[in-house]
Amino acid sequence: MKRIVKTIVVIAIMGIMLTGAYLLGTTQADIVTVEKVVEVVPDGYIDSTSEDFYNNFVDMRSVINFETNGNGLQLYCNDGSGYYWER
């Protein structure tokens, strides 16, 4: 008899804990509000839409082929241009 009562009490306590955890989680989600949106720019970020990017960097999204040899790297772009990097 004591074992049955102990099992029922343990099941009731676990049910209360699960219900409390669920309610705490749902109320926490409702309480969180965003007052002000702040854009965070990571260190080393390069804006690929700026004029500075197009003047100083190769847009690797436009590279369609490449060749390597012992001295460097040749990149071929989709607009017909190419770049050679010598090490």
Protein backbone atom coordinates (compact mmCIF):
# COMPACT_ATOMS: atom_id res chain seq x y z
CA MET A 1 0.00 0.00 0.00
CA LYS A 2 2.81 2.40 0.89
CA ARG A 3 4.53 1.66 -2.40
CA ILE A 4 1.39 2.57 -4.42
CA VAL A 5 0.98 5.85 -2.50
CA LYS A 6 4.67 6.66 -3.00
CA THR A 7 4.37 5.99 -6.76
CA ILE A 8 1.26 8.20 -7.02
CA VAL A 9 3.01 11.03 -5.13
CA VAL A 10 6.11 10.79 -7.36
CA ILE A 11 3.94 10.88 -10.52
CA ALA A 12 1.98 13.86 -9.17
CA ILE A 13 5.17 15.77 -8.30
CA MET A 14 6.66 15.10 -11.74
CA GLY A 15 3.42 16.25 -13.38
CA ILE A 16 3.43 19.46 -11.35
CA MET A 17 7.10 20.07 -12.26
CA LEU A 18 6.49 19.51 -15.98
CA THR A 19 3.43 21.75 -15.95
CA GLY A 20 5.34 24.46 -14.07
CA ALA A 21 8.26 24.27 -16.48
CA TYR A 22 5.92 24.56 -19.46
CA LEU A 23 4.07 27.53 -17.98
CA LEU A 24 7.32 29.24 -17.00
CA GLY A 25 8.68 28.80 -20.52
CA THR A 26 5.56 30.16 -22.21
CA THR A 27 5.31 33.17 -19.89
CA GLN A 28 9.01 33.93 -20.37
CA ALA A 29 8.50 33.95 -24.15
CA ASP A 30 5.64 36.42 -23.79
CA ILE A 31 7.52 38.80 -21.51
CA VAL A 32 10.53 39.35 -23.82
CA THR A 33 10.09 42.49 -25.91
CA VAL A 34 12.48 44.38 -28.14
CA GLU A 35 12.66 48.07 -27.41
CA LYS A 36 15.13 49.14 -30.06
CA VAL A 37 16.63 47.27 -33.00
CA VAL A 38 20.39 47.68 -33.15
CA GLU A 39 22.24 46.42 -36.21
CA VAL A 40 25.45 44.65 -35.20
CA VAL A 41 28.22 44.65 -37.81
CA PRO A 42 30.91 42.06 -37.09
CA ASP A 43 34.60 42.99 -37.19
CA GLY A 44 36.12 42.51 -40.62
CA TYR A 45 32.78 42.80 -42.43
CA ILE A 46 33.07 44.02 -46.02
CA ASP A 47 29.98 45.48 -47.68
CA SER A 48 29.90 43.76 -51.09
CA THR A 49 27.51 46.35 -52.54
CA SER A 50 29.73 49.39 -51.99
CA GLU A 51 31.86 51.13 -54.57
CA ASP A 52 34.95 50.52 -52.42
CA PHE A 53 34.38 46.77 -52.73
CA TYR A 54 34.17 46.86 -56.53
CA ASN A 55 37.36 48.96 -56.79
CA ASN A 56 39.53 46.92 -54.41
CA PHE A 57 38.27 43.33 -54.25
CA VAL A 58 37.47 40.49 -56.66
CA ASP A 59 33.85 39.37 -56.36
CA MET A 60 34.36 35.62 -56.00
CA ARG A 61 30.68 35.05 -56.83
CA SER A 62 31.50 36.00 -60.43
CA VAL A 63 34.45 33.57 -60.82
CA ILE A 64 33.53 30.72 -63.18
CA ASN A 65 36.91 29.03 -63.62
CA PHE A 66 40.47 29.11 -62.33
CA GLU A 67 43.91 27.73 -63.17
CA THR A 68 46.90 27.27 -60.92
CA ASN A 69 50.56 26.78 -61.57
CA GLY A 70 53.67 26.84 -59.43
CA ASN A 71 53.82 30.64 -59.37
CA GLY A 72 50.27 31.92 -59.12
CA LEU A 73 46.54 31.73 -59.60
CA GLN A 74 44.51 32.82 -62.65
CA LEU A 75 40.81 33.62 -62.06
CA TYR A 76 38.30 33.82 -64.92
CA CYS A 77 35.07 35.80 -64.34
CA ASN A 78 31.68 35.47 -66.00
CA ASP A 79 31.99 38.91 -67.68
CA GLY A 80 35.13 37.84 -69.57
CA SER A 81 37.63 39.55 -67.32
CA GLY A 82 40.40 37.75 -65.51
CA TYR A 83 42.78 38.28 -62.64
CA TYR A 84 46.23 36.85 -62.02
CA TRP A 85 47.72 36.60 -58.54
CA GLU A 86 51.43 35.83 -58.32
CA ARG A 87 52.91 34.60 -55.08
